[in-house]
Amino acid sequence: MPSPSSPNARIAIYAGSFDPITHGHEDLIKRTAAFTDHLVVAVAVNVSKQPLFTIEERVQFIREITSDSLHVEVRAFSGLLVDLAKETGARITVRGLRAVSDFEYEFQMALMNRHLLPDLETIFMAPSLDTTYISSSMVREVARFGGNVSDLVHPLIARKLAERFAR
């Protein structure tokens, strides 16, 4: 397997707000890591959202959850994805599509990224069947009202959600 600095390395970016990371995100990370030499999980600063967890917390959560994946790098980023791709040497960006309704936005984003950086390819991945219905916003809502999210997120995240909403 080529190193990330090799000119032949398959470097991918999986970007999102991950607020919080769910089993669906974990599934895509694991599956993407299987066909890349280096995966950058890019935790985005989204100025249009009010996050539940800080960017530092989200980065740390994902690092802990993916600690057994040697070629997964987790980092925060703001700005354009294409700038991060240039910085890391990534030629692939991975996007998950839970439903047809996700496609239109993701397709427009892929076309804009290709316009800005023609060598950046977008791969759309369908989630595994058992994670299709999971979204971070639904997890936050269930947790906010004391519902059980243990089958939707890693135990670390379930604990952190319970702590956050106990306040």
N, C-alpha and C. Protein backbone atom coordinates (compact mmCIF):
# COMPACT_ATOMS: atom_id res chain seq x y z
N MET A 1 0.85 -1.18 0.00
CA MET A 1 0.00 0.00 0.00
C MET A 1 0.89 1.24 0.00
N PRO A 2 0.69 2.17 -0.95
CA PRO A 2 1.51 3.37 -0.99
C PRO A 2 1.31 4.25 0.24
N SER A 3 2.37 4.97 0.61
CA SER A 3 2.23 5.92 1.72
C SER A 3 1.45 7.14 1.23
N PRO A 4 0.87 7.92 2.15
CA PRO A 4 0.12 9.11 1.73
C PRO A 4 0.95 10.09 0.91
N SER A 5 2.26 10.08 1.09
CA SER A 5 3.10 11.01 0.35
C SER A 5 3.49 10.48 -1.04
N SER A 6 3.17 9.22 -1.32
CA SER A 6 3.46 8.64 -2.63
C SER A 6 2.58 9.27 -3.70
N PRO A 7 3.13 9.50 -4.90
CA PRO A 7 2.32 10.10 -5.96
C PRO A 7 1.17 9.18 -6.41
N ASN A 8 1.25 7.90 -6.11
CA ASN A 8 0.21 6.95 -6.50
C ASN A 8 -0.79 6.66 -5.38
N ALA A 9 -0.65 7.35 -4.26
CA ALA A 9 -1.53 7.09 -3.12
C ALA A 9 -2.97 7.51 -3.45
N ARG A 10 -3.89 6.66 -3.04
CA ARG A 10 -5.32 6.99 -3.18
C ARG A 10 -5.75 7.67 -1.88
N ILE A 11 -5.82 9.00 -1.94
CA ILE A 11 -6.19 9.80 -0.77
C ILE A 11 -7.60 10.32 -0.97
N ALA A 12 -8.43 10.09 0.04
CA ALA A 12 -9.82 10.53 -0.02
C ALA A 12 -10.15 11.41 1.16
N ILE A 13 -11.17 12.23 0.98
CA ILE A 13 -11.70 13.07 2.05
C ILE A 13 -13.16 12.70 2.26
N TYR A 14 -13.52 12.51 3.52
CA TYR A 14 -14.92 12.35 3.89
C TYR A 14 -15.21 13.50 4.84
N ALA A 15 -15.94 14.49 4.35
CA ALA A 15 -16.18 15.71 5.12
C ALA A 15 -17.62 15.76 5.61
N GLY A 16 -17.79 16.36 6.77
CA GLY A 16 -19.12 16.56 7.31
C GLY A 16 -19.02 17.29 8.63
N SER A 17 -20.18 17.61 9.19
CA SER A 17 -20.16 18.27 10.50
C SER A 17 -20.08 17.24 11.63
N PHE A 18 -20.56 16.03 11.41
CA PHE A 18 -20.45 14.93 12.38
C PHE A 18 -20.88 15.39 13.78
N ASP A 19 -22.06 15.97 13.87
CA ASP A 19 -22.53 16.53 15.14
C ASP A 19 -23.81 15.85 15.61
N PRO A 20 -23.70 14.66 16.15
CA PRO A 20 -22.50 13.86 16.42
C PRO A 20 -22.27 12.82 15.31
N ILE A 21 -21.12 12.17 15.39
CA ILE A 21 -20.85 11.05 14.50
C ILE A 21 -21.82 9.92 14.85
N THR A 22 -22.36 9.27 13.82
CA THR A 22 -23.32 8.18 14.01
C THR A 22 -22.74 6.88 13.47
N HIS A 23 -23.47 5.79 13.69
CA HIS A 23 -23.05 4.52 13.10
C HIS A 23 -23.04 4.60 11.57
N GLY A 24 -23.90 5.43 11.00
CA GLY A 24 -23.88 5.62 9.55
C GLY A 24 -22.58 6.23 9.08
N HIS A 25 -22.09 7.25 9.78
CA HIS A 25 -20.80 7.85 9.45
C HIS A 25 -19.67 6.82 9.63
N GLU A 26 -19.73 6.10 10.75
CA GLU A 26 -18.70 5.09 11.01
C GLU A 26 -18.64 4.06 9.88
N ASP A 27 -19.81 3.65 9.41
CA ASP A 27 -19.91 2.68 8.31
C ASP A 27 -19.20 3.21 7.07
N LEU A 28 -19.46 4.47 6.71
CA LEU A 28 -18.82 5.04 5.52
C LEU A 28 -17.32 5.20 5.71
N ILE A 29 -16.90 5.56 6.91
CA ILE A 29 -15.46 5.68 7.18
C ILE A 29 -14.79 4.32 6.99
N LYS A 30 -15.35 3.29 7.58
CA LYS A 30 -14.76 1.96 7.49
C LYS A 30 -14.73 1.46 6.05
N ARG A 31 -15.82 1.64 5.34
CA ARG A 31 -15.88 1.15 3.96
C ARG A 31 -14.96 1.94 3.04
N THR A 32 -14.85 3.25 3.26
CA THR A 32 -13.96 4.07 2.44
C THR A 32 -12.50 3.74 2.73
N ALA A 33 -12.17 3.55 3.99
CA ALA A 33 -10.79 3.21 4.37
C ALA A 33 -10.34 1.91 3.72
N ALA A 34 -11.29 1.04 3.39
CA ALA A 34 -10.95 -0.25 2.78
C ALA A 34 -10.46 -0.10 1.34
N PHE A 35 -10.83 0.98 0.65
CA PHE A 35 -10.38 1.12 -0.74
C PHE A 35 -9.49 2.34 -0.98
N THR A 36 -9.01 2.96 0.10
CA THR A 36 -8.08 4.08 -0.05
C THR A 36 -6.81 3.80 0.74
N ASP A 37 -5.77 4.52 0.39
CA ASP A 37 -4.50 4.41 1.12
C ASP A 37 -4.48 5.34 2.33
N HIS A 38 -5.22 6.42 2.24
CA HIS A 38 -5.27 7.40 3.32
C HIS A 38 -6.62 8.10 3.24
N LEU A 39 -7.32 8.16 4.37
CA LEU A 39 -8.61 8.82 4.44
C LEU A 39 -8.54 9.97 5.42
N VAL A 40 -8.89 11.15 4.95
CA VAL A 40 -8.98 12.32 5.80
C VAL A 40 -10.45 12.52 6.17
N VAL A 41 -10.77 12.35 7.43
CA VAL A 41 -12.11 12.65 7.92
C VAL A 41 -12.05 14.11 8.34
N ALA A 42 -12.72 14.95 7.56
CA ALA A 42 -12.64 16.39 7.73
C ALA A 42 -13.89 16.90 8.44
N VAL A 43 -13.70 17.35 9.66
CA VAL A 43 -14.80 17.85 10.47
C VAL A 43 -14.97 19.33 10.15
N ALA A 44 -16.09 19.63 9.53
CA ALA A 44 -16.30 20.97 8.99
C ALA A 44 -16.86 21.94 10.02
N VAL A 45 -16.38 23.15 9.93
CA VAL A 45 -16.98 24.27 10.64
C VAL A 45 -18.08 24.77 9.71
N ASN A 46 -19.32 24.58 10.12
CA ASN A 46 -20.45 25.00 9.30
C ASN A 46 -21.05 26.26 9.93
N VAL A 47 -20.83 27.40 9.29
CA VAL A 47 -21.27 28.67 9.86
C VAL A 47 -22.78 28.81 9.88
N SER A 48 -23.50 27.98 9.12
CA SER A 48 -24.95 28.08 9.09
C SER A 48 -25.62 27.17 10.13
N LYS A 49 -24.83 26.44 10.90
CA LYS A 49 -25.38 25.55 11.92
C LYS A 49 -24.87 25.94 13.30
N GLN A 50 -25.70 25.71 14.30
CA GLN A 50 -25.30 25.89 15.70
C GLN A 50 -25.00 24.50 16.24
N PRO A 51 -23.73 24.11 16.37
CA PRO A 51 -23.41 22.74 16.76
C PRO A 51 -23.69 22.44 18.23
N LEU A 52 -24.00 21.19 18.49
CA LEU A 52 -24.17 20.72 19.86
C LEU A 52 -22.81 20.55 20.53
N PHE A 53 -21.86 19.99 19.78
CA PHE A 53 -20.51 19.76 20.29
C PHE A 53 -19.53 20.70 19.56
N THR A 54 -18.50 21.12 20.26
CA THR A 54 -17.49 21.99 19.64
C THR A 54 -16.74 21.20 18.57
N ILE A 55 -16.07 21.92 17.71
CA ILE A 55 -15.27 21.27 16.67
C ILE A 55 -14.19 20.40 17.30
N GLU A 56 -13.59 20.87 18.39
CA GLU A 56 -12.54 20.10 19.06
C GLU A 56 -13.11 18.80 19.64
N GLU A 57 -14.30 18.88 20.22
CA GLU A 57 -14.93 17.67 20.76
C GLU A 57 -15.22 16.67 19.65
N ARG A 58 -15.77 17.15 18.54
CA ARG A 58 -16.12 16.25 17.44
C ARG A 58 -14.88 15.58 16.85
N VAL A 59 -13.81 16.35 16.69
CA VAL A 59 -12.56 15.77 16.20
C VAL A 59 -12.07 14.69 17.16
N GLN A 60 -12.07 14.99 18.44
CA GLN A 60 -11.60 14.03 19.44
C GLN A 60 -12.46 12.77 19.46
N PHE A 61 -13.78 12.93 19.40
CA PHE A 61 -14.67 11.76 19.37
C PHE A 61 -14.33 10.85 18.20
N ILE A 62 -14.16 11.43 17.02
CA ILE A 62 -13.89 10.62 15.83
C ILE A 62 -12.51 9.98 15.92
N ARG A 63 -11.54 10.70 16.46
CA ARG A 63 -10.21 10.10 16.65
C ARG A 63 -10.29 8.88 17.57
N GLU A 64 -11.05 8.99 18.65
CA GLU A 64 -11.18 7.86 19.57
C GLU A 64 -11.89 6.68 18.89
N ILE A 65 -12.94 6.98 18.16
CA ILE A 65 -13.73 5.92 17.52
C ILE A 65 -12.95 5.23 16.40
N THR A 66 -12.08 5.97 15.72
CA THR A 66 -11.32 5.41 14.59
C THR A 66 -9.88 5.10 14.96
N SER A 67 -9.56 5.05 16.24
CA SER A 67 -8.16 4.89 16.66
C SER A 67 -7.51 3.61 16.16
N ASP A 68 -8.30 2.60 15.79
CA ASP A 68 -7.72 1.36 15.28
C ASP A 68 -7.47 1.40 13.77
N SER A 69 -7.81 2.49 13.13
CA SER A 69 -7.61 2.64 11.68
C SER A 69 -6.34 3.45 11.44
N LEU A 70 -5.28 2.77 11.06
CA LEU A 70 -3.98 3.42 10.93
C LEU A 70 -3.93 4.49 9.85
N HIS A 71 -4.69 4.32 8.78
CA HIS A 71 -4.58 5.30 7.70
C HIS A 71 -5.78 6.24 7.64
N VAL A 72 -6.40 6.48 8.80
CA VAL A 72 -7.46 7.48 8.90
C VAL A 72 -6.93 8.65 9.72
N GLU A 73 -7.00 9.82 9.12
CA GLU A 73 -6.59 11.07 9.77
C GLU A 73 -7.85 11.89 10.02
N VAL A 74 -7.97 12.44 11.20
CA VAL A 74 -9.13 13.26 11.54
C VAL A 74 -8.64 14.67 11.81
N ARG A 75 -9.30 15.64 11.16
CA ARG A 75 -8.89 17.02 11.35
C ARG A 75 -10.07 17.95 11.12
N ALA A 76 -9.99 19.11 11.75
CA ALA A 76 -10.99 20.15 11.54
C ALA A 76 -10.62 20.93 10.29
N PHE A 77 -11.65 21.48 9.65
CA PHE A 77 -11.38 22.38 8.54
C PHE A 77 -12.53 23.36 8.36
N SER A 78 -12.17 24.50 7.78
CA SER A 78 -13.18 25.47 7.39
C SER A 78 -12.79 25.96 6.01
N GLY A 79 -13.73 26.48 5.30
CA GLY A 79 -13.44 26.95 3.96
C GLY A 79 -13.87 25.94 2.92
N LEU A 80 -13.22 26.00 1.79
CA LEU A 80 -13.59 25.16 0.65
C LEU A 80 -12.95 23.78 0.73
N LEU A 81 -13.74 22.78 0.43
CA LEU A 81 -13.24 21.41 0.39
C LEU A 81 -12.12 21.26 -0.62
N VAL A 82 -12.21 21.95 -1.73
CA VAL A 82 -11.17 21.84 -2.76
C VAL A 82 -9.82 22.33 -2.24
N ASP A 83 -9.83 23.31 -1.35
CA ASP A 83 -8.56 23.78 -0.77
C ASP A 83 -7.95 22.71 0.12
N LEU A 84 -8.80 22.01 0.87
CA LEU A 84 -8.31 20.91 1.69
C LEU A 84 -7.80 19.78 0.80
N ALA A 85 -8.48 19.52 -0.29
CA ALA A 85 -8.04 18.48 -1.22
C ALA A 85 -6.66 18.81 -1.79
N LYS A 86 -6.45 20.05 -2.16
CA LYS A 86 -5.14 20.47 -2.68
C LYS A 86 -4.06 20.29 -1.60
N GLU A 87 -4.39 20.70 -0.38
CA GLU A 87 -3.43 20.62 0.72
C GLU A 87 -3.04 19.17 1.04
N THR A 88 -4.00 18.26 1.00
CA THR A 88 -3.75 16.88 1.39
C THR A 88 -3.37 15.98 0.22
N GLY A 89 -3.54 16.46 -1.00
CA GLY A 89 -3.28 15.63 -2.17
C GLY A 89 -4.43 14.69 -2.49
N ALA A 90 -5.59 14.93 -1.91
CA ALA A 90 -6.75 14.06 -2.15
C ALA A 90 -7.29 14.26 -3.56
N ARG A 91 -7.67 13.15 -4.16
CA ARG A 91 -8.29 13.20 -5.49
C ARG A 91 -9.70 12.64 -5.47
N ILE A 92 -10.14 12.24 -4.27
CA ILE A 92 -11.47 11.65 -4.10
C ILE A 92 -12.15 12.31 -2.91
N THR A 93 -13.41 12.61 -3.06
CA THR A 93 -14.24 13.01 -1.93
C THR A 93 -15.41 12.04 -1.89
N VAL A 94 -15.76 11.63 -0.70
CA VAL A 94 -16.81 10.64 -0.51
C VAL A 94 -18.01 11.31 0.14
N ARG A 95 -19.19 11.02 -0.39
CA ARG A 95 -20.42 11.55 0.15
C ARG A 95 -21.42 10.42 0.33
N GLY A 96 -22.09 10.42 1.45
CA GLY A 96 -23.12 9.41 1.71
C GLY A 96 -24.47 9.92 1.25
N LEU A 97 -25.24 9.04 0.67
CA LEU A 97 -26.60 9.37 0.23
C LEU A 97 -27.57 8.45 0.93
N ARG A 98 -28.31 8.98 1.89
CA ARG A 98 -29.29 8.16 2.60
C ARG A 98 -30.58 8.00 1.81
N ALA A 99 -30.94 9.04 1.08
CA ALA A 99 -32.21 9.03 0.35
C ALA A 99 -32.05 9.81 -0.94
N VAL A 100 -32.99 9.64 -1.82
CA VAL A 100 -32.97 10.36 -3.09
C VAL A 100 -32.96 11.87 -2.84
N SER A 101 -33.62 12.30 -1.78
CA SER A 101 -33.67 13.73 -1.46
C SER A 101 -32.28 14.32 -1.19
N ASP A 102 -31.32 13.52 -0.78
CA ASP A 102 -29.95 14.00 -0.55
C ASP A 102 -29.23 14.30 -1.87
N PHE A 103 -29.65 13.63 -2.94
CA PHE A 103 -28.88 13.64 -4.17
C PHE A 103 -28.76 15.02 -4.81
N GLU A 104 -29.83 15.77 -4.89
CA GLU A 104 -29.79 17.03 -5.62
C GLU A 104 -28.73 17.97 -5.05
N TYR A 105 -28.73 18.17 -3.74
CA TYR A 105 -27.73 19.03 -3.11
C TYR A 105 -26.32 18.48 -3.32
N GLU A 106 -26.15 17.19 -3.07
CA GLU A 106 -24.82 16.57 -3.19
C GLU A 106 -24.32 16.63 -4.64
N PHE A 107 -25.21 16.46 -5.60
CA PHE A 107 -24.85 16.52 -7.01
C PHE A 107 -24.37 17.93 -7.37
N GLN A 108 -25.08 18.95 -6.92
CA GLN A 108 -24.67 20.34 -7.17
C GLN A 108 -23.31 20.62 -6.54
N MET A 109 -23.12 20.13 -5.33
CA MET A 109 -21.84 20.33 -4.64
C MET A 109 -20.70 19.63 -5.41
N ALA A 110 -20.96 18.42 -5.87
CA ALA A 110 -19.94 17.68 -6.64
C ALA A 110 -19.57 18.42 -7.92
N LEU A 111 -20.56 18.97 -8.59
CA LEU A 111 -20.28 19.71 -9.83
C LEU A 111 -19.49 20.99 -9.55
N MET A 112 -19.82 21.69 -8.46
CA MET A 112 -19.07 22.89 -8.11
C MET A 112 -17.63 22.54 -7.74
N ASN A 113 -17.45 21.47 -6.96
CA ASN A 113 -16.10 21.04 -6.61
C ASN A 113 -15.31 20.67 -7.87
N ARG A 114 -15.96 19.99 -8.81
CA ARG A 114 -15.27 19.63 -10.06
C ARG A 114 -14.92 20.89 -10.86
N HIS A 115 -15.80 21.89 -10.84
CA HIS A 115 -15.51 23.15 -11.52
C HIS A 115 -14.27 23.81 -10.91
N LEU A 116 -14.20 23.80 -9.57
CA LEU A 116 -13.08 24.45 -8.88
C LEU A 116 -11.80 23.64 -8.92
N LEU A 117 -11.93 22.31 -8.96
CA LEU A 117 -10.76 21.42 -8.98
C LEU A 117 -11.10 20.21 -9.85
N PRO A 118 -10.84 20.31 -11.15
CA PRO A 118 -11.28 19.26 -12.09
C PRO A 118 -10.77 17.85 -11.77
N ASP A 119 -9.66 17.73 -11.06
CA ASP A 119 -9.12 16.40 -10.74
C ASP A 119 -9.77 15.76 -9.52
N LEU A 120 -10.66 16.46 -8.83
CA LEU A 120 -11.30 15.91 -7.64
C LEU A 120 -12.58 15.17 -8.05
N GLU A 121 -12.59 13.87 -7.79
CA GLU A 121 -13.75 13.04 -8.11
C GLU A 121 -14.60 12.86 -6.86
N THR A 122 -15.90 12.84 -7.05
CA THR A 122 -16.83 12.59 -5.95
C THR A 122 -17.40 11.19 -6.10
N ILE A 123 -17.33 10.42 -5.03
CA ILE A 123 -17.92 9.09 -5.00
C ILE A 123 -19.12 9.15 -4.06
N PHE A 124 -20.28 8.77 -4.56
CA PHE A 124 -21.48 8.71 -3.74
C PHE A 124 -21.64 7.28 -3.24
N MET A 125 -21.82 7.15 -1.94
CA MET A 125 -21.97 5.82 -1.35
C MET A 125 -23.31 5.69 -0.66
N ALA A 126 -23.97 4.59 -0.92
CA ALA A 126 -25.20 4.28 -0.21
C ALA A 126 -24.83 3.71 1.16
N PRO A 127 -25.60 4.06 2.17
CA PRO A 127 -25.30 3.51 3.50
C PRO A 127 -25.67 2.03 3.57
N SER A 128 -25.16 1.36 4.58
CA SER A 128 -25.59 -0.01 4.79
C SER A 128 -27.06 0.05 5.19
N LEU A 129 -27.78 -1.01 4.92
CA LEU A 129 -29.22 -1.04 5.12
C LEU A 129 -29.62 -0.68 6.55
N ASP A 130 -28.84 -1.15 7.52
CA ASP A 130 -29.22 -0.90 8.91
C ASP A 130 -28.89 0.50 9.42
N THR A 131 -28.24 1.34 8.58
CA THR A 131 -27.94 2.71 9.02
C THR A 131 -28.63 3.76 8.15
N THR A 132 -29.43 3.35 7.19
CA THR A 132 -30.03 4.27 6.23
C THR A 132 -30.83 5.38 6.89
N TYR A 133 -31.54 5.09 7.94
CA TYR A 133 -32.45 6.05 8.55
C TYR A 133 -31.78 6.95 9.59
N ILE A 134 -30.50 6.74 9.87
CA ILE A 134 -29.83 7.48 10.95
C ILE A 134 -29.30 8.81 10.41
N SER A 135 -29.63 9.88 11.10
CA SER A 135 -29.04 11.18 10.82
C SER A 135 -28.64 11.82 12.15
N SER A 136 -27.63 12.67 12.10
CA SER A 136 -27.17 13.34 13.32
C SER A 136 -28.29 14.17 13.94
N SER A 137 -29.06 14.85 13.11
CA SER A 137 -30.13 15.69 13.67
C SER A 137 -31.18 14.85 14.37
N MET A 138 -31.52 13.68 13.83
CA MET A 138 -32.49 12.82 14.50
C MET A 138 -31.92 12.26 15.80
N VAL A 139 -30.64 11.91 15.80
CA VAL A 139 -29.99 11.42 17.01
C VAL A 139 -30.02 12.50 18.09
N ARG A 140 -29.68 13.73 17.72
CA ARG A 140 -29.71 14.83 18.70
C ARG A 140 -31.11 15.01 19.27
N GLU A 141 -32.12 14.95 18.42
CA GLU A 141 -33.49 15.15 18.87
C GLU A 141 -33.94 14.05 19.83
N VAL A 142 -33.65 12.80 19.49
CA VAL A 142 -34.02 11.69 20.37
C VAL A 142 -33.30 11.81 21.71
N ALA A 143 -32.00 12.11 21.66
CA ALA A 143 -31.22 12.25 22.89
C ALA A 143 -31.70 13.42 23.73
N ARG A 144 -32.06 14.52 23.09
CA ARG A 144 -32.53 15.72 23.81
C ARG A 144 -33.73 15.39 24.68
N PHE A 145 -34.59 14.49 24.23
CA PHE A 145 -35.80 14.15 24.98
C PHE A 145 -35.66 12.84 25.76
N GLY A 146 -34.40 12.41 25.95
CA GLY A 146 -34.14 11.27 26.82
C GLY A 146 -34.33 9.91 26.18
N GLY A 147 -34.46 9.86 24.86
CA GLY A 147 -34.61 8.58 24.18
C GLY A 147 -33.31 7.81 24.12
N ASN A 148 -33.42 6.53 23.88
CA ASN A 148 -32.27 5.64 23.81
C ASN A 148 -31.64 5.72 22.42
N VAL A 149 -30.39 6.14 22.34
CA VAL A 149 -29.67 6.24 21.07
C VAL A 149 -28.53 5.24 20.98
N SER A 150 -28.48 4.30 21.90
CA SER A 150 -27.34 3.40 21.99
C SER A 150 -27.15 2.52 20.75
N ASP A 151 -28.21 2.27 19.99
CA ASP A 151 -28.05 1.48 18.77
C ASP A 151 -27.80 2.36 17.54
N LEU A 152 -27.70 3.67 17.73
CA LEU A 152 -27.49 4.60 16.62
C LEU A 152 -26.09 5.20 16.60
N VAL A 153 -25.43 5.19 17.76
CA VAL A 153 -24.12 5.82 17.89
C VAL A 153 -23.20 4.95 18.74
N HIS A 154 -21.92 5.23 18.64
CA HIS A 154 -20.90 4.58 19.45
C HIS A 154 -21.20 4.84 20.94
N PRO A 155 -20.85 3.91 21.83
CA PRO A 155 -21.10 4.13 23.27
C PRO A 155 -20.53 5.44 23.81
N LEU A 156 -19.38 5.86 23.33
CA LEU A 156 -18.80 7.13 23.74
C LEU A 156 -19.76 8.28 23.43
N ILE A 157 -20.32 8.26 22.25
CA ILE A 157 -21.22 9.34 21.83
C ILE A 157 -22.52 9.29 22.62
N ALA A 158 -23.04 8.09 22.86
CA ALA A 158 -24.27 7.97 23.66
C ALA A 158 -24.04 8.57 25.05
N ARG A 159 -22.90 8.30 25.62
CA ARG A 159 -22.56 8.84 26.95
C ARG A 159 -22.43 10.37 26.90
N LYS A 160 -21.75 10.88 25.87
CA LYS A 160 -21.55 12.33 25.76
C LYS A 160 -22.88 13.05 25.51
N LEU A 161 -23.77 12.44 24.75
CA LEU A 161 -25.10 13.03 24.53
C LEU A 161 -25.89 13.08 25.83
N ALA A 162 -25.85 11.98 26.59
CA ALA A 162 -26.56 11.95 27.87
C ALA A 162 -26.02 13.01 28.81
N GLU A 163 -24.70 13.17 28.83
CA GLU A 163 -24.10 14.21 29.69
C GLU A 163 -24.51 15.61 29.23
N ARG A 164 -24.50 15.82 27.95
CA ARG A 164 -24.81 17.16 27.42
C ARG A 164 -26.25 17.55 27.73
N PHE A 165 -27.18 16.59 27.59
CA PHE A 165 -28.58 16.93 27.80
C PHE A 165 -29.01 16.80 29.25
N ALA A 166 -28.14 16.30 30.12
CA ALA A 166 -28.44 16.24 31.55
C ALA A 166 -28.30 17.62 32.18
N ARG A 167 -27.60 18.50 31.50
CA ARG A 167 -27.35 19.86 32.02
C ARG A 167 -28.61 20.68 31.99
